[in-house]
Amino acid sequence: MTQLELVIPLRASAPGPDGRRLDPALATWRAAVSASADACMLLAADTRVVAVSRAARHLLGLRADVEHHMPRFLDTGLRFLDFTAGAHPLVDAELARLAPVQALQTDALERSLMRIEHRGVHRTFDVTASPLHSPPRLDAIGSLAFLTPIGPS
């Protein structure tokens, strides 16, 4: 009996803003996140912010053009803080454990608390992030994160 191997050609990625490449498999996710009423964001595999819902932009204090510039998640201007009374900035090892980043590293559903400073106010979020896949590729092509504010806004 002859065994057939199914080969699915990978599509070339289309250029994104400033000539950067965006995986075409993220296009549907990008549209869904941009139109979502939920506070959510989409990161590419290299942690660039691909899409942010209006609710998430408002909660995080991100500029409306963040999707156009596609900065890396940790370079969005957010000030990530620890949970001590002093609210110190997170160090690199702690930043890597934020759910949207860790979902890309572990290729698994991740959940973490995230504390930021926005306009002088400390805000805490429960963040759940899932890696996104595009078969036949095995590595995650991005992560989809949902943010739920905790405490007073």
C-alpha atoms as a PDB file:
ATOM      1  CA  MET A   1       0.000   0.000   0.000  1.00  0.00           C
ATOM      2  CA  THR A   2       1.379   3.383  -1.011  1.00  0.00           C
ATOM      3  CA  GLN A   3       1.284   6.128   1.569  1.00  0.00           C
ATOM      4  CA  LEU A   4       0.521   9.622   0.279  1.00  0.00           C
ATOM      5  CA  GLU A   5       2.013  12.642   1.921  1.00  0.00           C
ATOM      6  CA  LEU A   6      -0.095  15.774   2.040  1.00  0.00           C
ATOM      7  CA  VAL A   7       1.998  18.853   1.360  1.00  0.00           C
ATOM      8  CA  ILE A   8       0.452  22.246   1.904  1.00  0.00           C
ATOM      9  CA  PRO A   9       2.603  25.076   0.570  1.00  0.00           C
ATOM     10  CA  LEU A  10       3.152  27.920   2.978  1.00  0.00           C
ATOM     11  CA  ARG A  11       2.009  31.262   1.643  1.00  0.00           C
ATOM     12  CA  ALA A  12       4.545  34.030   1.581  1.00  0.00           C
ATOM     13  CA  SER A  13       3.826  36.670   4.171  1.00  0.00           C
ATOM     14  CA  ALA A  14       2.530  39.996   2.883  1.00  0.00           C
ATOM     15  CA  PRO A  15       4.401  43.163   3.740  1.00  0.00           C
ATOM     16  CA  GLY A  16       2.997  45.055   6.694  1.00  0.00           C
ATOM     17  CA  PRO A  17       3.516  48.684   7.663  1.00  0.00           C
ATOM     18  CA  ASP A  18       7.020  49.983   6.983  1.00  0.00           C
ATOM     19  CA  GLY A  19       7.772  46.881   4.883  1.00  0.00           C
ATOM     20  CA  ARG A  20       7.610  44.494   7.837  1.00  0.00           C
ATOM     21  CA  ARG A  21       6.025  41.127   7.208  1.00  0.00           C
ATOM     22  CA  LEU A  22       2.730  40.030   8.685  1.00  0.00           C
ATOM     23  CA  ASP A  23       1.768  36.379   8.594  1.00  0.00           C
ATOM     24  CA  PRO A  24      -1.287  36.163   6.294  1.00  0.00           C
ATOM     25  CA  ALA A  25      -2.886  33.684   8.692  1.00  0.00           C
ATOM     26  CA  LEU A  26      -3.238  36.553  11.198  1.00  0.00           C
ATOM     27  CA  ALA A  27      -5.471  38.613   8.877  1.00  0.00           C
ATOM     28  CA  THR A  28      -8.742  37.042  10.039  1.00  0.00           C
ATOM     29  CA  TRP A  29      -7.704  37.318  13.683  1.00  0.00           C
ATOM     30  CA  ARG A  30      -6.684  40.949  13.137  1.00  0.00           C
ATOM     31  CA  ALA A  31     -10.115  41.833  11.750  1.00  0.00           C
ATOM     32  CA  ALA A  32     -11.896  40.042  14.606  1.00  0.00           C
ATOM     33  CA  VAL A  33      -9.821  41.725  17.326  1.00  0.00           C
ATOM     34  CA  SER A  34     -10.157  45.185  15.767  1.00  0.00           C
ATOM     35  CA  ALA A  35     -13.945  44.806  15.661  1.00  0.00           C
ATOM     36  CA  SER A  36     -14.306  43.193  19.097  1.00  0.00           C
ATOM     37  CA  ALA A  37     -16.192  44.862  21.930  1.00  0.00           C
ATOM     38  CA  ASP A  38     -14.044  42.866  24.392  1.00  0.00           C
ATOM     39  CA  ALA A  39     -10.730  44.166  25.702  1.00  0.00           C
ATOM     40  CA  CYS A  40      -8.336  42.054  23.649  1.00  0.00           C
ATOM     41  CA  MET A  41      -5.146  42.265  21.646  1.00  0.00           C
ATOM     42  CA  LEU A  42      -3.332  40.236  19.024  1.00  0.00           C
ATOM     43  CA  LEU A  43       0.429  39.785  18.982  1.00  0.00           C
ATOM     44  CA  ALA A  44       2.484  38.359  16.116  1.00  0.00           C
ATOM     45  CA  ALA A  45       5.016  35.618  16.848  1.00  0.00           C
ATOM     46  CA  ASP A  46       7.742  38.250  17.249  1.00  0.00           C
ATOM     47  CA  THR A  47       5.559  40.037  19.896  1.00  0.00           C
ATOM     48  CA  ARG A  48       4.600  42.927  17.606  1.00  0.00           C
ATOM     49  CA  VAL A  49       1.141  44.328  18.372  1.00  0.00           C
ATOM     50  CA  VAL A  50      -0.954  43.455  15.322  1.00  0.00           C
ATOM     51  CA  ALA A  51      -4.408  44.477  16.574  1.00  0.00           C
ATOM     52  CA  VAL A  52      -5.952  45.998  19.687  1.00  0.00           C
ATOM     53  CA  SER A  53      -9.660  46.373  20.333  1.00  0.00           C
ATOM     54  CA  ARG A  54     -10.978  49.828  21.172  1.00  0.00           C
ATOM     55  CA  ALA A  55     -11.778  48.657  24.723  1.00  0.00           C
ATOM     56  CA  ALA A  56      -8.202  47.418  25.261  1.00  0.00           C
ATOM     57  CA  ARG A  57      -6.712  50.634  23.846  1.00  0.00           C
ATOM     58  CA  HIS A  58      -8.846  52.621  26.280  1.00  0.00           C
ATOM     59  CA  LEU A  59      -8.000  50.429  29.301  1.00  0.00           C
ATOM     60  CA  LEU A  60      -4.274  50.411  28.553  1.00  0.00           C
ATOM     61  CA  GLY A  61      -4.063  54.009  27.377  1.00  0.00           C
ATOM     62  CA  LEU A  62      -2.586  53.058  24.011  1.00  0.00           C
ATOM     63  CA  ARG A  63      -2.653  55.441  21.065  1.00  0.00           C
ATOM     64  CA  ALA A  64      -5.191  54.799  18.304  1.00  0.00           C
ATOM     65  CA  ASP A  65      -2.381  54.318  15.753  1.00  0.00           C
ATOM     66  CA  VAL A  66      -0.672  51.504  17.700  1.00  0.00           C
ATOM     67  CA  GLU A  67      -1.824  48.966  15.092  1.00  0.00           C
ATOM     68  CA  HIS A  68      -0.250  51.005  12.305  1.00  0.00           C
ATOM     69  CA  HIS A  69       3.163  51.234  13.985  1.00  0.00           C
ATOM     70  CA  MET A  70       3.061  47.627  15.254  1.00  0.00           C
ATOM     71  CA  PRO A  71       5.551  48.052  18.116  1.00  0.00           C
ATOM     72  CA  ARG A  72       6.654  45.055  20.135  1.00  0.00           C
ATOM     73  CA  PHE A  73       4.342  44.501  23.109  1.00  0.00           C
ATOM     74  CA  LEU A  74       7.008  45.466  25.633  1.00  0.00           C
ATOM     75  CA  ASP A  75       7.812  48.628  23.628  1.00  0.00           C
ATOM     76  CA  THR A  76       4.284  50.080  23.523  1.00  0.00           C
ATOM     77  CA  GLY A  77       5.053  52.655  26.185  1.00  0.00           C
ATOM     78  CA  LEU A  78       3.228  50.693  28.880  1.00  0.00           C
ATOM     79  CA  ARG A  79       4.918  50.831  32.251  1.00  0.00           C
ATOM     80  CA  PHE A  80       4.683  47.317  33.696  1.00  0.00           C
ATOM     81  CA  LEU A  81       4.902  47.223  37.502  1.00  0.00           C
ATOM     82  CA  ASP A  82       5.431  44.606  40.184  1.00  0.00           C
ATOM     83  CA  PHE A  83       2.890  44.013  42.931  1.00  0.00           C
ATOM     84  CA  THR A  84       4.917  45.468  45.788  1.00  0.00           C
ATOM     85  CA  ALA A  85       3.797  48.601  47.626  1.00  0.00           C
ATOM     86  CA  GLY A  86       6.599  50.449  45.834  1.00  0.00           C
ATOM     87  CA  ALA A  87       5.236  49.426  42.421  1.00  0.00           C
ATOM     88  CA  HIS A  88       8.685  48.989  40.875  1.00  0.00           C
ATOM     89  CA  PRO A  89       9.127  48.434  37.113  1.00  0.00           C
ATOM     90  CA  LEU A  90       9.360  44.773  36.143  1.00  0.00           C
ATOM     91  CA  VAL A  91      12.768  43.350  35.234  1.00  0.00           C
ATOM     92  CA  ASP A  92      13.293  41.408  31.995  1.00  0.00           C
ATOM     93  CA  ALA A  93      12.719  37.971  33.549  1.00  0.00           C
ATOM     94  CA  GLU A  94       9.369  39.134  34.939  1.00  0.00           C
ATOM     95  CA  LEU A  95       8.335  40.748  31.651  1.00  0.00           C
ATOM     96  CA  ALA A  96       8.818  37.411  29.896  1.00  0.00           C
ATOM     97  CA  ARG A  97       6.191  35.899  32.218  1.00  0.00           C
ATOM     98  CA  LEU A  98       3.391  38.241  31.091  1.00  0.00           C
ATOM     99  CA  ALA A  99       0.692  36.034  29.560  1.00  0.00           C
ATOM    100  CA  PRO A 100       0.733  37.431  25.982  1.00  0.00           C
ATOM    101  CA  VAL A 101       4.503  36.898  25.728  1.00  0.00           C
ATOM    102  CA  GLN A 102       4.605  33.608  27.601  1.00  0.00           C
ATOM    103  CA  ALA A 103       1.870  32.083  25.405  1.00  0.00           C
ATOM    104  CA  LEU A 104       4.258  32.508  22.465  1.00  0.00           C
ATOM    105  CA  GLN A 105       7.151  30.967  24.388  1.00  0.00           C
ATOM    106  CA  THR A 106       5.335  27.994  25.892  1.00  0.00           C
ATOM    107  CA  ASP A 107       2.843  27.411  23.065  1.00  0.00           C
ATOM    108  CA  ALA A 108       0.175  26.940  25.720  1.00  0.00           C
ATOM    109  CA  LEU A 109      -2.734  28.832  27.214  1.00  0.00           C
ATOM    110  CA  GLU A 110      -1.322  31.272  29.779  1.00  0.00           C
ATOM    111  CA  ARG A 111      -2.859  33.415  32.482  1.00  0.00           C
ATOM    112  CA  SER A 112      -1.246  36.082  34.609  1.00  0.00           C
ATOM    113  CA  LEU A 113      -1.921  39.285  36.437  1.00  0.00           C
ATOM    114  CA  MET A 114      -0.525  42.413  34.877  1.00  0.00           C
ATOM    115  CA  ARG A 115      -0.114  45.749  36.640  1.00  0.00           C
ATOM    116  CA  ILE A 116       0.559  48.926  34.710  1.00  0.00           C
ATOM    117  CA  GLU A 117       0.754  52.625  35.409  1.00  0.00           C
ATOM    118  CA  HIS A 118      -1.609  54.709  33.300  1.00  0.00           C
ATOM    119  CA  ARG A 119      -1.820  58.480  33.833  1.00  0.00           C
ATOM    120  CA  GLY A 120      -0.369  58.139  37.317  1.00  0.00           C
ATOM    121  CA  VAL A 121      -2.878  55.447  38.316  1.00  0.00           C
ATOM    122  CA  HIS A 122      -1.930  51.808  38.878  1.00  0.00           C
ATOM    123  CA  ARG A 123      -4.249  49.405  37.066  1.00  0.00           C
ATOM    124  CA  THR A 124      -4.331  45.625  37.448  1.00  0.00           C
ATOM    125  CA  PHE A 125      -5.595  43.191  34.819  1.00  0.00           C
ATOM    126  CA  ASP A 126      -6.277  39.488  34.728  1.00  0.00           C
ATOM    127  CA  VAL A 127      -4.838  38.474  31.350  1.00  0.00           C
ATOM    128  CA  THR A 128      -5.552  35.225  29.530  1.00  0.00           C
ATOM    129  CA  ALA A 129      -3.587  34.536  26.359  1.00  0.00           C
ATOM    130  CA  SER A 130      -3.780  31.723  23.854  1.00  0.00           C
ATOM    131  CA  PRO A 131      -1.242  30.851  21.182  1.00  0.00           C
ATOM    132  CA  LEU A 132      -2.599  30.832  17.629  1.00  0.00           C
ATOM    133  CA  HIS A 133      -1.600  28.253  15.041  1.00  0.00           C
ATOM    134  CA  SER A 134      -1.760  27.856  11.288  1.00  0.00           C
ATOM    135  CA  PRO A 135      -1.314  24.206  10.305  1.00  0.00           C
ATOM    136  CA  PRO A 136       0.860  22.599   9.095  1.00  0.00           C
ATOM    137  CA  ARG A 137       3.276  24.872  10.972  1.00  0.00           C
ATOM    138  CA  LEU A 138       3.865  23.739  14.524  1.00  0.00           C
ATOM    139  CA  ASP A 139       5.040  26.991  16.106  1.00  0.00           C
ATOM    140  CA  ALA A 140       2.578  29.650  17.189  1.00  0.00           C
ATOM    141  CA  ILE A 141       2.028  32.439  14.657  1.00  0.00           C
ATOM    142  CA  GLY A 142       0.737  34.793  17.338  1.00  0.00           C
ATOM    143  CA  SER A 143      -1.129  35.098  20.599  1.00  0.00           C
ATOM    144  CA  LEU A 144      -4.597  36.365  21.395  1.00  0.00           C
ATOM    145  CA  ALA A 145      -4.940  37.986  24.828  1.00  0.00           C
ATOM    146  CA  PHE A 146      -8.037  39.069  26.743  1.00  0.00           C
ATOM    147  CA  LEU A 147      -7.756  41.634  29.547  1.00  0.00           C
ATOM    148  CA  THR A 148     -10.127  41.928  32.488  1.00  0.00           C
ATOM    149  CA  PRO A 149      -9.649  44.907  34.800  1.00  0.00           C
ATOM    150  CA  ILE A 150      -9.431  44.075  38.500  1.00  0.00           C
ATOM    151  CA  GLY A 151     -10.398  46.618  41.122  1.00  0.00           C
ATOM    152  CA  PRO A 152     -11.493  50.229  40.683  1.00  0.00           C
ATOM    153  CA  SER A 153     -10.933  51.878  37.331  1.00  0.00           C
END
